[in-house]
Amino acid sequence: MKKTIITVVGRDTIGIIAKVCTYLAEHRVNIEDISQTIIQGYFNMMMVADTSNADLSAADMSRELKALGETIGVVIRCQHEDIFNMMHRI
């Protein structure tokens, strides 16, 4: 199983979750866990996704999610689980 961590941060607006989840479903990415909060108008979401069956490369998905974020006014980052864990070690 290839796990990917996807984070979404920005001003809250209607449809953020729907647009990100629709993109992932269209590319055969399974969301295993999701957490989202809104604090004083700022949206923050973190997802753990299984990309084993994805129909595009991790680099393409990362690039396309970044572009999607730009169109909806948020920052979307997509990282392999191992890279995410190494970057967030104490």
C-alpha atoms as a PDB file:
ATOM      1  CA  MET A   1       0.000   0.000   0.000  1.00  0.00           C
ATOM      2  CA  LYS A   2       1.308   3.452  -0.946  1.00  0.00           C
ATOM      3  CA  LYS A   3       0.159   6.041   1.567  1.00  0.00           C
ATOM      4  CA  THR A   4       0.175   9.720   0.729  1.00  0.00           C
ATOM      5  CA  ILE A   5      -0.410  12.668   3.055  1.00  0.00           C
ATOM      6  CA  ILE A   6      -2.458  15.503   1.567  1.00  0.00           C
ATOM      7  CA  THR A   7      -2.814  18.838   3.359  1.00  0.00           C
ATOM      8  CA  VAL A   8      -5.105  21.707   2.423  1.00  0.00           C
ATOM      9  CA  VAL A   9      -4.833  25.142   4.057  1.00  0.00           C
ATOM     10  CA  GLY A  10      -6.437  28.491   3.261  1.00  0.00           C
ATOM     11  CA  ARG A  11      -9.431  30.761   3.676  1.00  0.00           C
ATOM     12  CA  ASP A  12     -12.634  28.798   4.132  1.00  0.00           C
ATOM     13  CA  THR A  13     -14.971  28.699   1.160  1.00  0.00           C
ATOM     14  CA  ILE A  14     -17.790  26.494  -0.057  1.00  0.00           C
ATOM     15  CA  GLY A  15     -16.799  23.281  -1.828  1.00  0.00           C
ATOM     16  CA  ILE A  16     -13.165  22.778  -0.808  1.00  0.00           C
ATOM     17  CA  ILE A  17     -13.682  19.241   0.480  1.00  0.00           C
ATOM     18  CA  ALA A  18     -15.951  18.330  -2.434  1.00  0.00           C
ATOM     19  CA  LYS A  19     -13.470  19.513  -5.068  1.00  0.00           C
ATOM     20  CA  VAL A  20     -10.461  17.794  -3.506  1.00  0.00           C
ATOM     21  CA  CYS A  21     -12.331  14.540  -2.850  1.00  0.00           C
ATOM     22  CA  THR A  22     -13.839  14.520  -6.353  1.00  0.00           C
ATOM     23  CA  TYR A  23     -10.365  14.927  -7.873  1.00  0.00           C
ATOM     24  CA  LEU A  24      -9.041  12.041  -5.771  1.00  0.00           C
ATOM     25  CA  ALA A  25     -11.983   9.761  -6.626  1.00  0.00           C
ATOM     26  CA  GLU A  26     -11.573  10.483 -10.350  1.00  0.00           C
ATOM     27  CA  HIS A  27      -7.972   9.280 -10.101  1.00  0.00           C
ATOM     28  CA  ARG A  28      -8.746   6.130  -8.069  1.00  0.00           C
ATOM     29  CA  VAL A  29      -7.245   7.403  -4.818  1.00  0.00           C
ATOM     30  CA  ASN A  30      -8.855   6.016  -1.655  1.00  0.00           C
ATOM     31  CA  ILE A  31      -9.149   8.339   1.347  1.00  0.00           C
ATOM     32  CA  GLU A  32      -8.340   6.314   4.461  1.00  0.00           C
ATOM     33  CA  ASP A  33      -8.551   9.071   7.063  1.00  0.00           C
ATOM     34  CA  ILE A  34      -9.541  12.714   7.005  1.00  0.00           C
ATOM     35  CA  SER A  35      -9.562  15.523   9.546  1.00  0.00           C
ATOM     36  CA  GLN A  36     -10.633  19.097   8.946  1.00  0.00           C
ATOM     37  CA  THR A  37     -11.095  22.168  11.085  1.00  0.00           C
ATOM     38  CA  ILE A  38     -12.061  25.766  10.540  1.00  0.00           C
ATOM     39  CA  ILE A  39     -10.541  28.314  12.902  1.00  0.00           C
ATOM     40  CA  GLN A  40     -11.614  31.947  12.579  1.00  0.00           C
ATOM     41  CA  GLY A  41     -12.338  31.538   8.878  1.00  0.00           C
ATOM     42  CA  TYR A  42      -9.233  29.507   8.033  1.00  0.00           C
ATOM     43  CA  PHE A  43      -9.696  26.003   6.654  1.00  0.00           C
ATOM     44  CA  ASN A  44      -7.228  23.218   7.499  1.00  0.00           C
ATOM     45  CA  MET A  45      -7.558  19.627   6.275  1.00  0.00           C
ATOM     46  CA  MET A  46      -5.251  16.636   6.468  1.00  0.00           C
ATOM     47  CA  MET A  47      -5.872  13.364   4.662  1.00  0.00           C
ATOM     48  CA  VAL A  48      -4.183  10.000   4.598  1.00  0.00           C
ATOM     49  CA  ALA A  49      -4.809   8.435   1.200  1.00  0.00           C
ATOM     50  CA  ASP A  50      -3.975   5.109  -0.426  1.00  0.00           C
ATOM     51  CA  THR A  51      -2.534   5.811  -3.881  1.00  0.00           C
ATOM     52  CA  SER A  52      -1.789   2.178  -4.775  1.00  0.00           C
ATOM     53  CA  ASN A  53      -4.431   2.172  -7.522  1.00  0.00           C
ATOM     54  CA  ALA A  54      -3.970   5.759  -8.704  1.00  0.00           C
ATOM     55  CA  ASP A  55      -3.973   6.272 -12.456  1.00  0.00           C
ATOM     56  CA  LEU A  56      -1.211   8.907 -12.383  1.00  0.00           C
ATOM     57  CA  SER A  57       2.225   9.330 -10.841  1.00  0.00           C
ATOM     58  CA  ALA A  58       2.822  10.938  -7.465  1.00  0.00           C
ATOM     59  CA  ALA A  59       4.575  13.866  -9.171  1.00  0.00           C
ATOM     60  CA  ASP A  60       1.639  14.451 -11.539  1.00  0.00           C
ATOM     61  CA  MET A  61      -0.874  14.213  -8.695  1.00  0.00           C
ATOM     62  CA  SER A  62       1.129  16.653  -6.584  1.00  0.00           C
ATOM     63  CA  ARG A  63       1.358  19.119  -9.474  1.00  0.00           C
ATOM     64  CA  GLU A  64      -2.345  18.829 -10.335  1.00  0.00           C
ATOM     65  CA  LEU A  65      -3.452  19.181  -6.701  1.00  0.00           C
ATOM     66  CA  LYS A  66      -1.281  22.283  -6.359  1.00  0.00           C
ATOM     67  CA  ALA A  67      -2.983  23.743  -9.459  1.00  0.00           C
ATOM     68  CA  LEU A  68      -6.429  22.789  -8.116  1.00  0.00           C
ATOM     69  CA  GLY A  69      -5.600  24.569  -4.874  1.00  0.00           C
ATOM     70  CA  GLU A  70      -4.650  27.702  -6.761  1.00  0.00           C
ATOM     71  CA  THR A  71      -8.005  27.719  -8.549  1.00  0.00           C
ATOM     72  CA  ILE A  72      -9.970  27.426  -5.292  1.00  0.00           C
ATOM     73  CA  GLY A  73      -7.752  29.726  -3.201  1.00  0.00           C
ATOM     74  CA  VAL A  74      -6.002  27.222  -0.932  1.00  0.00           C
ATOM     75  CA  VAL A  75      -2.588  25.601  -0.724  1.00  0.00           C
ATOM     76  CA  ILE A  76      -2.612  21.836  -1.339  1.00  0.00           C
ATOM     77  CA  ARG A  77       0.466  19.754  -0.625  1.00  0.00           C
ATOM     78  CA  CYS A  78       0.819  16.082  -1.442  1.00  0.00           C
ATOM     79  CA  GLN A  79       3.678  13.990  -0.026  1.00  0.00           C
ATOM     80  CA  HIS A  80       4.503  10.307   0.262  1.00  0.00           C
ATOM     81  CA  GLU A  81       4.021   9.145   3.852  1.00  0.00           C
ATOM     82  CA  ASP A  82       7.748   8.421   4.359  1.00  0.00           C
ATOM     83  CA  ILE A  83       8.756  11.922   3.234  1.00  0.00           C
ATOM     84  CA  PHE A  84       6.078  13.513   5.416  1.00  0.00           C
ATOM     85  CA  ASN A  85       7.243  11.531   8.450  1.00  0.00           C
ATOM     86  CA  MET A  86      10.915  12.407   7.887  1.00  0.00           C
ATOM     87  CA  MET A  87      10.078  16.114   7.573  1.00  0.00           C
ATOM     88  CA  HIS A  88       8.061  16.115  10.806  1.00  0.00           C
ATOM     89  CA  ARG A  89      10.382  14.179  13.088  1.00  0.00           C
ATOM     90  CA  ILE A  90      11.517  15.795  16.304  1.00  0.00           C
END
